[in-house]
Protein backbone atom coordinates (compact mmCIF):
# COMPACT_ATOMS: atom_id res chain seq x y z
CA MET A 1 199.04 221.72 75.95
CA ILE A 2 195.61 219.63 76.03
CA TYR A 3 197.10 216.12 75.40
CA GLY A 4 199.02 216.58 79.08
CA MET A 5 196.01 217.24 80.94
CA LYS A 6 193.51 214.83 82.83
CA PRO A 7 190.52 213.79 81.59
CA ALA A 8 188.38 215.63 83.64
CA PRO A 9 189.71 219.08 83.25
CA ARG A 10 190.62 218.26 79.47
CA ARG A 11 186.67 217.99 79.64
CA TYR A 12 186.40 220.87 81.02
CA PHE A 13 188.55 222.99 79.17
CA ILE A 14 186.89 221.87 75.97
CA LEU A 15 183.16 222.42 77.42
CA ALA A 16 184.89 226.09 78.40
CA VAL A 17 185.89 226.37 74.23
CA VAL A 18 182.80 225.40 72.63
CA VAL A 19 180.57 227.80 75.10
CA TYR A 20 182.96 230.84 74.58
CA LEU A 21 183.27 230.76 70.98
CA GLY A 22 179.87 229.61 70.72
CA GLY A 23 178.36 232.66 72.13
CA ALA A 24 181.18 235.08 70.96
CA LEU A 25 180.65 233.74 67.13
CA GLY A 26 177.34 232.66 67.35
CA LEU A 27 175.32 234.49 69.01
CA GLU A 28 176.84 237.55 68.07
CA MET A 29 176.02 236.67 63.92
CA THR A 30 172.78 236.39 65.15
CA ALA A 31 172.74 239.80 67.04
CA ALA A 32 174.23 241.35 63.52
CA PHE A 33 171.79 239.85 61.27
CA MET A 34 168.60 240.92 63.86
CA PHE A 35 170.46 244.25 64.18
CA PHE A 36 170.80 244.74 59.96
CA HIS A 37 167.14 243.71 59.58
CA GLU A 38 166.16 245.49 62.25
CA MET A 39 164.15 243.37 64.16
CA GLU A 40 162.96 243.09 67.63
CA ASN A 41 164.45 242.19 71.16
CA GLY A 42 167.86 241.97 69.43
CA ARG A 43 169.06 242.65 73.48
CA TYR A 44 168.26 239.59 74.31
CA VAL A 45 170.42 238.03 71.57
CA THR A 46 173.13 240.27 72.93
CA LEU A 47 172.28 239.62 76.98
CA ALA A 48 172.54 235.60 75.97
CA GLU A 49 175.69 236.04 74.37
CA GLU A 50 177.32 237.85 76.93
CA THR A 51 176.22 235.30 79.61
CA CYS A 52 177.67 232.68 77.05
CA GLU A 53 181.25 234.29 76.94
CA MET A 54 180.74 234.74 81.25
CA PHE A 55 179.95 230.97 81.58
CA GLY A 56 182.69 229.81 79.69
CA SER A 57 185.25 232.42 81.04
CA ALA A 58 184.53 231.39 84.44
CA LEU A 59 184.47 227.40 83.14
CA PHE A 60 187.55 228.09 81.96
CA GLY A 61 188.82 229.08 85.22
CA ALA A 62 187.25 226.36 86.98
CA CYS A 63 189.19 224.02 84.62
CA GLY A 64 192.56 225.75 85.71
CA LEU A 65 192.22 225.61 88.55
CA ARG A 66 190.98 221.96 88.75
CA GLN A 67 193.96 221.43 86.80
CA ILE A 68 196.58 222.65 89.79
CA ILE A 69 194.54 220.67 92.11
CA LEU A 70 195.46 217.23 90.62
CA MET A 71 198.78 218.55 89.80
CA ALA A 72 199.26 218.42 93.07
CA ASP A 73 198.40 215.34 93.88
């Protein structure tokens, strides 16, 4: 799937995956660590995690739309 894409949407796709998984896995583990050790400001890490997930999803949607536009040309 990714090898058949044009270069520009492929970069967006890879960036979307990195942002989404970085938020979902990396910040989730950070939030769990902070919750386990009863640190303050854990809600801000959760906010950053959700923001990364939403931004990654939006970027993935933009990547799909860009691929559709390029296929129509």
